[in-house]
Amino acid sequence: MTEKVDWNDNYLLGIAEIDNQHKKLLAIANELYEITTGSPESYKLKMSGALKKLADYTIYHFSSEEDYMRKCGYNGADVHKTAHDSFINEVNHQIQKLSADNIEDGARFYAFVARWVLNHIAKADKIWAAAVKKA
């Protein structure tokens, strides 16, 4: 079983609005962890709601982040959007797959989401944030 990941201030970009959104995104991802380590009887119902919440918030956050980058004139916004779109496609694919009562699939999905979000923040988001702060 994958271990739960917690927010670490090393992931802060120094842009309060985006940092707060990142924290919320990880908190939603951690709901997936709680569901996969909780009661098997409530797994399917709770997972369905959490996946909807994750999908909706991810779209909101990515749109907000992309708008911020463009507003600041960041040249890599389109490439960054491609990474976001790829993640959204994978989330949508996994949502279809997770309609069954398979807690192991849910745990693997949590691991994917948590790893992707934290790696994305630590690498790609840190790059654009540094660039827009210099501008």
Protein backbone atom coordinates (compact mmCIF):
# COMPACT_ATOMS: atom_id res chain seq x y z
CA MET A 1 0.00 0.00 0.00
CA THR A 2 1.18 3.47 -0.84
CA GLU A 3 1.76 5.83 2.05
CA LYS A 4 -0.17 9.06 2.36
CA VAL A 5 1.75 12.16 1.34
CA ASP A 6 1.39 15.43 3.16
CA TRP A 7 1.95 18.99 2.06
CA ASN A 8 5.44 20.31 2.58
CA ASP A 9 6.23 24.02 2.37
CA ASN A 10 9.11 23.18 0.03
CA TYR A 11 6.38 23.01 -2.62
CA LEU A 12 5.42 26.67 -2.14
CA LEU A 13 5.81 28.80 -5.26
CA GLY A 14 5.40 32.09 -3.44
CA ILE A 15 2.18 32.88 -5.31
CA ALA A 16 -0.48 32.66 -2.61
CA GLU A 17 -3.47 31.95 -4.85
CA ILE A 18 -1.71 29.10 -6.68
CA ASP A 19 -0.10 27.75 -3.49
CA ASN A 20 -3.51 27.54 -1.83
CA GLN A 21 -4.91 25.74 -4.87
CA HIS A 22 -2.02 23.26 -4.79
CA LYS A 23 -2.70 22.56 -1.11
CA LYS A 24 -6.38 21.98 -1.87
CA LEU A 25 -5.52 19.70 -4.80
CA LEU A 26 -3.30 17.56 -2.59
CA ALA A 27 -5.99 17.52 0.11
CA ILE A 28 -8.49 16.20 -2.44
CA ALA A 29 -5.95 13.61 -3.58
CA ASN A 30 -5.53 12.59 0.05
CA GLU A 31 -9.27 11.95 0.24
CA LEU A 32 -8.58 9.15 -2.24
CA TYR A 33 -6.04 7.73 0.20
CA GLU A 34 -8.50 7.88 3.07
CA ILE A 35 -11.12 6.09 0.98
CA THR A 36 -8.74 3.32 -0.11
CA THR A 37 -7.65 2.71 3.48
CA GLY A 38 -11.15 2.99 4.91
CA SER A 39 -14.18 0.76 4.92
CA PRO A 40 -14.45 -1.53 1.87
CA GLU A 41 -18.24 -1.32 2.18
CA SER A 42 -18.29 2.42 1.49
CA TYR A 43 -15.44 2.44 -1.03
CA LYS A 44 -17.47 2.63 -4.26
CA LEU A 45 -19.84 5.37 -3.11
CA LYS A 46 -17.13 7.53 -1.54
CA MET A 47 -14.69 7.00 -4.41
CA SER A 48 -17.25 8.14 -6.94
CA GLY A 49 -17.74 11.46 -5.13
CA ALA A 50 -14.02 12.00 -4.56
CA LEU A 51 -13.21 11.34 -8.23
CA LYS A 52 -15.81 13.89 -9.32
CA LYS A 53 -14.38 16.42 -6.87
CA LEU A 54 -10.83 15.72 -8.09
CA ALA A 55 -11.79 16.07 -11.75
CA ASP A 56 -13.71 19.31 -11.20
CA TYR A 57 -11.06 20.93 -9.01
CA THR A 58 -8.22 19.87 -11.30
CA ILE A 59 -9.89 21.56 -14.26
CA TYR A 60 -10.53 24.71 -12.19
CA HIS A 61 -6.96 24.82 -10.86
CA PHE A 62 -5.27 24.16 -14.18
CA SER A 63 -7.37 26.82 -15.89
CA SER A 64 -6.52 29.31 -13.14
CA GLU A 65 -2.81 28.48 -13.32
CA GLU A 66 -2.74 28.72 -17.13
CA ASP A 67 -4.54 32.08 -17.03
CA TYR A 68 -2.02 33.35 -14.48
CA MET A 69 0.92 32.26 -16.63
CA ARG A 70 -0.50 33.92 -19.73
CA LYS A 71 -1.36 37.09 -17.82
CA CYS A 72 2.27 37.24 -16.70
CA GLY A 73 3.53 36.62 -20.23
CA TYR A 74 5.14 33.24 -19.50
CA ASN A 75 6.33 31.83 -22.85
CA GLY A 76 6.06 28.19 -21.77
CA ALA A 77 2.34 28.35 -20.97
CA ASP A 78 1.31 26.22 -23.94
CA VAL A 79 3.80 23.46 -23.10
CA HIS A 80 2.66 23.57 -19.48
CA LYS A 81 -0.97 23.30 -20.62
CA THR A 82 -0.05 20.15 -22.56
CA ALA A 83 1.14 18.52 -19.31
CA HIS A 84 -2.08 19.58 -17.61
CA ASP A 85 -4.18 18.17 -20.46
CA SER A 86 -2.32 14.88 -20.29
CA PHE A 87 -3.02 14.60 -16.56
CA ILE A 88 -6.72 15.40 -17.06
CA ASN A 89 -6.94 12.73 -19.77
CA GLU A 90 -5.38 10.17 -17.44
CA VAL A 91 -7.71 11.15 -14.59
CA ASN A 92 -10.72 10.75 -16.90
CA HIS A 93 -9.44 7.38 -18.09
CA GLN A 94 -8.93 6.20 -14.53
CA ILE A 95 -12.36 7.42 -13.45
CA GLN A 96 -13.92 5.06 -15.97
CA LYS A 97 -11.70 2.23 -14.75
CA LEU A 98 -12.43 2.85 -11.08
CA SER A 99 -16.15 2.29 -11.35
CA ALA A 100 -15.63 -1.23 -9.99
CA ASP A 101 -15.18 -2.10 -6.31
CA ASN A 102 -11.42 -2.57 -6.62
CA ILE A 103 -9.66 -0.86 -3.73
CA GLU A 104 -6.22 -1.81 -5.10
CA ASP A 105 -6.96 0.15 -8.29
CA GLY A 106 -8.01 3.08 -6.13
CA ALA A 107 -4.78 2.90 -4.15
CA ARG A 108 -2.72 2.82 -7.36
CA PHE A 109 -4.67 5.80 -8.67
CA TYR A 110 -4.02 7.73 -5.45
CA ALA A 111 -0.30 6.99 -5.78
CA PHE A 112 -0.34 8.22 -9.38
CA VAL A 113 -2.22 11.44 -8.52
CA ALA A 114 -0.16 12.31 -5.45
CA ARG A 115 3.13 11.60 -7.22
CA TRP A 116 2.12 13.54 -10.34
CA VAL A 117 0.85 16.58 -8.42
CA LEU A 118 3.91 16.85 -6.19
CA ASN A 119 6.40 16.23 -9.01
CA HIS A 120 4.60 18.72 -11.23
CA ILE A 121 4.66 21.40 -8.53
CA ALA A 122 8.29 20.70 -7.60
CA LYS A 123 9.52 20.83 -11.17
CA ALA A 124 7.33 22.42 -13.86
CA ASP A 125 5.45 24.83 -11.60
CA LYS A 126 8.61 26.02 -9.87
CA ILE A 127 10.07 26.87 -13.29
CA TRP A 128 7.17 29.01 -14.47
CA ALA A 129 6.75 30.65 -11.05
CA ALA A 130 10.40 31.69 -11.01
CA ALA A 131 10.12 33.03 -14.55
CA VAL A 132 7.03 35.15 -13.89
CA LYS A 133 8.50 36.55 -10.67
CA LYS A 134 11.53 37.80 -12.64
CA ALA A 135 9.35 39.47 -15.28
